Amino acid sequence: MASTLMNLYRDKRNGKLGGVCAGIARQAGVEPWLVRVLAVTGLVFASFLTFVLYIAAWLLLEDRPEPPASGADHVKTTGWQSGLSPQEALEKLEGKLKRLNGRVAEMEQLMTSREFRLRRAFNELREDK
């Protein structure tokens, strides 16, 4: 139920206890050990809350469905998994950031344009009817 809404599943195959940390790591695109370190830190500083949230996730999240069988092994997608050199990973990340910066600049330009203000005024007039 909750798994399908957020596309979050327990990953028992890569998990140590219940697969909750591995599932969160898979969804966030980070290494599972990092989520486990954060969970243990949460247990140290907010033990009851972290424990309750972990148990709730363990009970509410469904097991990750098995991918359809194919001849290829798991394809590694993130930089540290695919074997990119640090320079290549940095260049790839730099390219993504430049594209995002361009998109943000386009949105800023639209938001500050007279055309946007005019369209917003027309939409407000339409809503008043």
N, C-alpha and C. Protein backbone atom coordinates (compact mmCIF):
# COMPACT_ATOMS: atom_id res chain seq x y z
N MET A 1 0.83 -1.18 0.00
CA MET A 1 0.00 0.00 0.00
C MET A 1 0.88 1.25 0.00
N ALA A 2 1.63 1.47 1.07
CA ALA A 2 2.51 2.64 1.15
C ALA A 2 3.64 2.52 0.15
N SER A 3 4.04 1.30 -0.18
CA SER A 3 5.15 1.08 -1.10
C SER A 3 4.84 1.61 -2.48
N THR A 4 3.62 1.37 -2.95
CA THR A 4 3.29 1.77 -4.30
C THR A 4 3.09 3.26 -4.43
N LEU A 5 2.72 3.94 -3.36
CA LEU A 5 2.52 5.38 -3.43
C LEU A 5 3.84 6.12 -3.61
N MET A 6 4.88 5.68 -2.90
CA MET A 6 6.16 6.38 -2.94
C MET A 6 7.19 5.61 -3.75
N ASN A 7 6.84 4.47 -4.31
CA ASN A 7 7.77 3.61 -5.02
C ASN A 7 8.92 3.21 -4.10
N LEU A 8 8.61 2.97 -2.85
CA LEU A 8 9.60 2.61 -1.85
C LEU A 8 9.31 1.19 -1.37
N TYR A 9 10.30 0.35 -1.42
CA TYR A 9 10.16 -1.04 -1.04
C TYR A 9 11.30 -1.45 -0.12
N ARG A 10 11.09 -2.51 0.64
CA ARG A 10 12.18 -3.12 1.41
C ARG A 10 13.01 -3.95 0.44
N ASP A 11 14.31 -3.89 0.58
CA ASP A 11 15.21 -4.64 -0.29
C ASP A 11 15.90 -5.71 0.55
N LYS A 12 15.23 -6.84 0.72
CA LYS A 12 15.76 -7.91 1.56
C LYS A 12 17.04 -8.52 0.99
N ARG A 13 17.16 -8.51 -0.32
CA ARG A 13 18.32 -9.13 -0.95
C ARG A 13 19.61 -8.40 -0.58
N ASN A 14 19.56 -7.07 -0.47
CA ASN A 14 20.73 -6.27 -0.12
C ASN A 14 20.69 -5.80 1.32
N GLY A 15 19.66 -6.17 2.06
CA GLY A 15 19.49 -5.70 3.43
C GLY A 15 20.20 -6.57 4.43
N LYS A 16 20.42 -6.03 5.61
CA LYS A 16 21.06 -6.77 6.69
C LYS A 16 20.03 -7.29 7.69
N LEU A 17 19.06 -6.46 8.06
CA LEU A 17 18.07 -6.86 9.06
C LEU A 17 16.71 -7.07 8.39
N GLY A 18 16.07 -5.98 8.01
CA GLY A 18 14.76 -6.09 7.40
C GLY A 18 14.72 -5.57 5.97
N GLY A 19 15.82 -4.98 5.51
CA GLY A 19 15.87 -4.45 4.16
C GLY A 19 15.36 -3.02 4.05
N VAL A 20 15.02 -2.40 5.17
CA VAL A 20 14.48 -1.03 5.14
C VAL A 20 15.55 -0.05 4.68
N CYS A 21 16.73 -0.09 5.29
CA CYS A 21 17.80 0.85 4.92
C CYS A 21 18.23 0.65 3.47
N ALA A 22 18.32 -0.63 3.03
CA ALA A 22 18.70 -0.91 1.65
C ALA A 22 17.64 -0.38 0.68
N GLY A 23 16.38 -0.49 1.05
CA GLY A 23 15.31 0.03 0.19
C GLY A 23 15.33 1.55 0.10
N ILE A 24 15.56 2.20 1.24
CA ILE A 24 15.66 3.67 1.24
C ILE A 24 16.86 4.10 0.41
N ALA A 25 17.98 3.39 0.57
CA ALA A 25 19.19 3.73 -0.19
C ALA A 25 18.95 3.56 -1.68
N ARG A 26 18.26 2.50 -2.06
CA ARG A 26 17.98 2.27 -3.48
C ARG A 26 17.12 3.39 -4.04
N GLN A 27 16.10 3.81 -3.31
CA GLN A 27 15.22 4.89 -3.76
C GLN A 27 15.96 6.22 -3.84
N ALA A 28 16.84 6.48 -2.86
CA ALA A 28 17.57 7.75 -2.82
C ALA A 28 18.77 7.76 -3.74
N GLY A 29 19.20 6.59 -4.21
CA GLY A 29 20.35 6.53 -5.11
C GLY A 29 21.68 6.67 -4.39
N VAL A 30 21.73 6.22 -3.15
CA VAL A 30 22.98 6.27 -2.38
C VAL A 30 23.36 4.86 -1.95
N GLU A 31 24.55 4.73 -1.40
CA GLU A 31 25.01 3.43 -0.93
C GLU A 31 24.26 3.04 0.34
N PRO A 32 23.92 1.77 0.50
CA PRO A 32 23.19 1.33 1.70
C PRO A 32 23.94 1.57 3.00
N TRP A 33 25.26 1.49 2.99
CA TRP A 33 26.01 1.70 4.23
C TRP A 33 25.80 3.10 4.78
N LEU A 34 25.60 4.08 3.87
CA LEU A 34 25.39 5.46 4.31
C LEU A 34 24.06 5.58 5.06
N VAL A 35 23.01 4.95 4.55
CA VAL A 35 21.71 4.98 5.21
C VAL A 35 21.79 4.23 6.54
N ARG A 36 22.55 3.14 6.56
CA ARG A 36 22.71 2.39 7.81
C ARG A 36 23.42 3.23 8.88
N VAL A 37 24.45 3.97 8.46
CA VAL A 37 25.16 4.85 9.41
C VAL A 37 24.21 5.91 9.95
N LEU A 38 23.38 6.48 9.08
CA LEU A 38 22.40 7.47 9.53
C LEU A 38 21.37 6.84 10.48
N ALA A 39 20.97 5.61 10.21
CA ALA A 39 20.01 4.92 11.08
C ALA A 39 20.62 4.65 12.45
N VAL A 40 21.86 4.21 12.48
CA VAL A 40 22.52 3.95 13.76
C VAL A 40 22.71 5.26 14.52
N THR A 41 23.07 6.33 13.81
CA THR A 41 23.20 7.64 14.45
C THR A 41 21.86 8.08 15.02
N GLY A 42 20.79 7.84 14.27
CA GLY A 42 19.45 8.15 14.77
C GLY A 42 19.11 7.34 16.00
N LEU A 43 19.54 6.08 16.03
CA LEU A 43 19.30 5.26 17.21
C LEU A 43 20.04 5.80 18.43
N VAL A 44 21.22 6.34 18.21
CA VAL A 44 22.01 6.87 19.33
C VAL A 44 21.36 8.15 19.88
N PHE A 45 20.95 9.05 18.99
CA PHE A 45 20.47 10.35 19.43
C PHE A 45 18.96 10.43 19.64
N ALA A 46 18.20 9.64 18.93
CA ALA A 46 16.74 9.65 19.08
C ALA A 46 16.26 8.21 19.01
N SER A 47 16.66 7.43 19.98
CA SER A 47 16.50 5.98 19.91
C SER A 47 15.05 5.53 19.75
N PHE A 48 14.15 6.03 20.56
CA PHE A 48 12.77 5.56 20.51
C PHE A 48 12.12 5.89 19.17
N LEU A 49 12.27 7.15 18.72
CA LEU A 49 11.66 7.57 17.47
C LEU A 49 12.23 6.79 16.28
N THR A 50 13.54 6.65 16.23
CA THR A 50 14.16 5.91 15.14
C THR A 50 13.72 4.46 15.15
N PHE A 51 13.67 3.86 16.31
CA PHE A 51 13.25 2.47 16.44
C PHE A 51 11.81 2.29 15.97
N VAL A 52 10.93 3.17 16.39
CA VAL A 52 9.51 3.09 16.00
C VAL A 52 9.36 3.28 14.49
N LEU A 53 10.07 4.24 13.92
CA LEU A 53 9.99 4.47 12.47
C LEU A 53 10.52 3.28 11.68
N TYR A 54 11.61 2.68 12.15
CA TYR A 54 12.16 1.52 11.46
C TYR A 54 11.18 0.34 11.50
N ILE A 55 10.63 0.08 12.66
CA ILE A 55 9.66 -1.03 12.78
C ILE A 55 8.43 -0.75 11.93
N ALA A 56 7.96 0.49 11.92
CA ALA A 56 6.79 0.84 11.10
C ALA A 56 7.10 0.63 9.61
N ALA A 57 8.27 1.06 9.19
CA ALA A 57 8.65 0.86 7.78
C ALA A 57 8.77 -0.62 7.47
N TRP A 58 9.30 -1.38 8.40
CA TRP A 58 9.46 -2.82 8.21
C TRP A 58 8.09 -3.48 8.03
N LEU A 59 7.12 -3.03 8.80
CA LEU A 59 5.79 -3.63 8.73
C LEU A 59 4.97 -3.12 7.54
N LEU A 60 5.11 -1.84 7.20
CA LEU A 60 4.26 -1.24 6.18
C LEU A 60 4.78 -1.40 4.76
N LEU A 61 6.09 -1.39 4.59
CA LEU A 61 6.63 -1.47 3.23
C LEU A 61 6.62 -2.91 2.73
N GLU A 62 6.31 -3.03 1.46
CA GLU A 62 6.29 -4.35 0.84
C GLU A 62 7.69 -4.72 0.38
N ASP A 63 7.91 -6.02 0.17
CA ASP A 63 9.19 -6.48 -0.39
C ASP A 63 9.32 -5.97 -1.82
N ARG A 64 10.55 -5.66 -2.21
CA ARG A 64 10.80 -5.19 -3.57
C ARG A 64 10.49 -6.31 -4.56
N PRO A 65 9.68 -6.00 -5.58
CA PRO A 65 9.38 -7.04 -6.57
C PRO A 65 10.65 -7.41 -7.34
N GLU A 66 10.77 -8.67 -7.66
CA GLU A 66 11.94 -9.12 -8.41
C GLU A 66 11.85 -8.61 -9.84
N PRO A 67 12.96 -8.06 -10.37
CA PRO A 67 12.94 -7.62 -11.77
C PRO A 67 12.82 -8.82 -12.69
N PRO A 68 12.29 -8.60 -13.89
CA PRO A 68 12.18 -9.72 -14.82
C PRO A 68 13.56 -10.28 -15.13
N ALA A 69 13.66 -11.58 -15.23
CA ALA A 69 14.94 -12.22 -15.47
C ALA A 69 15.46 -11.86 -16.85
N SER A 70 16.71 -11.45 -16.90
CA SER A 70 17.35 -11.13 -18.17
C SER A 70 18.76 -11.68 -18.13
N GLY A 71 19.37 -11.81 -19.28
CA GLY A 71 20.71 -12.35 -19.35
C GLY A 71 21.77 -11.40 -18.81
N ALA A 72 21.50 -10.10 -18.78
CA ALA A 72 22.49 -9.12 -18.35
C ALA A 72 22.51 -9.01 -16.84
N ASP A 73 23.67 -8.74 -16.30
CA ASP A 73 23.78 -8.48 -14.87
C ASP A 73 23.24 -7.10 -14.56
N HIS A 74 23.15 -6.80 -13.28
CA HIS A 74 22.67 -5.50 -12.83
C HIS A 74 23.53 -4.39 -13.43
N VAL A 75 22.90 -3.42 -14.05
CA VAL A 75 23.63 -2.30 -14.65
C VAL A 75 23.81 -1.24 -13.58
N LYS A 76 25.04 -0.84 -13.38
CA LYS A 76 25.34 0.16 -12.36
C LYS A 76 25.16 1.54 -12.99
N THR A 77 24.41 2.40 -12.30
CA THR A 77 24.03 3.66 -12.90
C THR A 77 24.72 4.88 -12.31
N THR A 78 25.03 4.85 -11.03
CA THR A 78 25.65 6.03 -10.43
C THR A 78 27.15 6.01 -10.66
N GLY A 79 27.77 7.16 -10.53
CA GLY A 79 29.18 7.32 -10.86
C GLY A 79 30.10 6.36 -10.13
N TRP A 80 29.93 6.23 -8.82
CA TRP A 80 30.84 5.38 -8.07
C TRP A 80 30.59 3.90 -8.35
N GLN A 81 29.41 3.57 -8.87
CA GLN A 81 29.12 2.18 -9.17
C GLN A 81 29.58 1.80 -10.58
N SER A 82 29.57 2.74 -11.50
CA SER A 82 29.86 2.41 -12.88
C SER A 82 31.35 2.42 -13.19
N GLY A 83 32.18 2.78 -12.25
CA GLY A 83 33.61 2.73 -12.46
C GLY A 83 34.18 3.96 -13.13
N LEU A 84 33.46 5.06 -13.12
CA LEU A 84 33.99 6.28 -13.70
C LEU A 84 35.15 6.79 -12.85
N SER A 85 36.10 7.40 -13.52
CA SER A 85 37.18 8.03 -12.76
C SER A 85 36.61 9.27 -12.08
N PRO A 86 37.27 9.76 -11.04
CA PRO A 86 36.75 10.96 -10.38
C PRO A 86 36.60 12.15 -11.33
N GLN A 87 37.54 12.29 -12.27
CA GLN A 87 37.46 13.40 -13.22
C GLN A 87 36.24 13.25 -14.13
N GLU A 88 35.99 12.02 -14.61
CA GLU A 88 34.83 11.79 -15.47
C GLU A 88 33.53 12.01 -14.71
N ALA A 89 33.48 11.53 -13.46
CA ALA A 89 32.28 11.72 -12.66
C ALA A 89 32.03 13.20 -12.41
N LEU A 90 33.10 13.95 -12.15
CA LEU A 90 32.97 15.39 -11.92
C LEU A 90 32.49 16.10 -13.19
N GLU A 91 33.02 15.72 -14.34
CA GLU A 91 32.59 16.33 -15.60
C GLU A 91 31.12 16.01 -15.89
N LYS A 92 30.71 14.78 -15.60
CA LYS A 92 29.31 14.39 -15.80
C LYS A 92 28.40 15.21 -14.89
N LEU A 93 28.81 15.34 -13.63
CA LEU A 93 28.03 16.13 -12.68
C LEU A 93 27.99 17.60 -13.07
N GLU A 94 29.11 18.10 -13.55
CA GLU A 94 29.19 19.50 -13.99
C GLU A 94 28.21 19.76 -15.14
N GLY A 95 28.15 18.82 -16.09
CA GLY A 95 27.22 18.94 -17.21
C GLY A 95 25.77 18.98 -16.75
N LYS A 96 25.43 18.09 -15.79
CA LYS A 96 24.07 18.08 -15.25
C LYS A 96 23.75 19.41 -14.57
N LEU A 97 24.69 19.93 -13.80
CA LEU A 97 24.45 21.19 -13.10
C LEU A 97 24.30 22.35 -14.07
N LYS A 98 25.07 22.35 -15.16
CA LYS A 98 24.93 23.41 -16.17
C LYS A 98 23.55 23.37 -16.82
N ARG A 99 23.08 22.14 -17.14
CA ARG A 99 21.74 22.03 -17.72
C ARG A 99 20.67 22.49 -16.74
N LEU A 100 20.80 22.11 -15.48
CA LEU A 100 19.84 22.55 -14.47
C LEU A 100 19.87 24.06 -14.29
N ASN A 101 21.08 24.63 -14.29
CA ASN A 101 21.21 26.07 -14.15
C ASN A 101 20.54 26.79 -15.32
N GLY A 102 20.68 26.22 -16.53
CA GLY A 102 20.01 26.81 -17.69
C GLY A 102 18.50 26.76 -17.56
N ARG A 103 17.98 25.64 -17.04
CA ARG A 103 16.53 25.53 -16.85
C ARG A 103 16.03 26.51 -15.80
N VAL A 104 16.79 26.68 -14.71
CA VAL A 104 16.40 27.63 -13.67
C VAL A 104 16.42 29.05 -14.24
N ALA A 105 17.43 29.36 -15.05
CA ALA A 105 17.50 30.70 -15.65
C ALA A 105 16.29 30.95 -16.56
N GLU A 106 15.88 29.92 -17.32
CA GLU A 106 14.69 30.07 -18.17
C GLU A 106 13.44 30.31 -17.34
N MET A 107 13.31 29.58 -16.22
CA MET A 107 12.14 29.78 -15.36
C MET A 107 12.15 31.17 -14.73
N GLU A 108 13.33 31.63 -14.31
CA GLU A 108 13.41 32.97 -13.73
C GLU A 108 13.03 34.02 -14.76
N GLN A 109 13.48 33.81 -15.99
CA GLN A 109 13.17 34.77 -17.04
C GLN A 109 11.66 34.81 -17.30
N LEU A 110 11.03 33.64 -17.31
CA LEU A 110 9.59 33.58 -17.51
C LEU A 110 8.85 34.24 -16.35
N MET A 111 9.26 33.93 -15.13
CA MET A 111 8.56 34.44 -13.95
C MET A 111 8.64 35.96 -13.84
N THR A 112 9.68 36.55 -14.36
CA THR A 112 9.84 38.00 -14.27
C THR A 112 9.37 38.72 -15.52
N SER A 113 8.84 37.99 -16.50
CA SER A 113 8.43 38.63 -17.75
C SER A 113 7.06 39.27 -17.61
N ARG A 114 6.80 40.21 -18.51
CA ARG A 114 5.50 40.88 -18.55
C ARG A 114 4.42 39.90 -19.01
N GLU A 115 4.80 38.98 -19.91
CA GLU A 115 3.85 38.00 -20.41
C GLU A 115 3.30 37.14 -19.27
N PHE A 116 4.15 36.73 -18.34
CA PHE A 116 3.71 35.92 -17.21
C PHE A 116 2.73 36.70 -16.34
N ARG A 117 3.06 37.96 -16.07
CA ARG A 117 2.15 38.78 -15.25
C ARG A 117 0.80 38.96 -15.94
N LEU A 118 0.84 39.14 -17.26
CA LEU A 118 -0.40 39.31 -18.02
C LEU A 118 -1.23 38.03 -17.98
N ARG A 119 -0.60 36.89 -18.19
CA ARG A 119 -1.32 35.61 -18.13
C ARG A 119 -1.90 35.37 -16.75
N ARG A 120 -1.14 35.70 -15.71
CA ARG A 120 -1.63 35.52 -14.35
C ARG A 120 -2.84 36.42 -14.10
N ALA A 121 -2.80 37.64 -14.61
CA ALA A 121 -3.93 38.55 -14.43
C ALA A 121 -5.18 38.00 -15.14
N PHE A 122 -5.00 37.46 -16.35
CA PHE A 122 -6.13 36.87 -17.06
C PHE A 122 -6.68 35.66 -16.30
N ASN A 123 -5.82 34.83 -15.77
CA ASN A 123 -6.27 33.66 -15.00
C ASN A 123 -7.03 34.09 -13.75
N GLU A 124 -6.58 35.15 -13.11
CA GLU A 124 -7.29 35.64 -11.93
C GLU A 124 -8.66 36.18 -12.30
N LEU A 125 -8.77 36.86 -13.46
CA LEU A 125 -10.06 37.34 -13.92
C LEU A 125 -11.00 36.18 -14.22
N ARG A 126 -10.44 35.10 -14.81
CA ARG A 126 -11.24 33.93 -15.15
C ARG A 126 -11.74 33.26 -13.86
N GLU A 127 -10.93 33.22 -12.82
CA GLU A 127 -11.31 32.58 -11.56
C GLU A 127 -12.37 33.39 -10.82
N ASP A 128 -12.42 34.71 -11.03
CA ASP A 128 -13.38 35.55 -10.34
C ASP A 128 -14.81 35.32 -10.81
N LYS A 129 -15.00 34.76 -11.98
CA LYS A 129 -16.35 34.58 -12.51
C LYS A 129 -17.11 33.58 -11.75
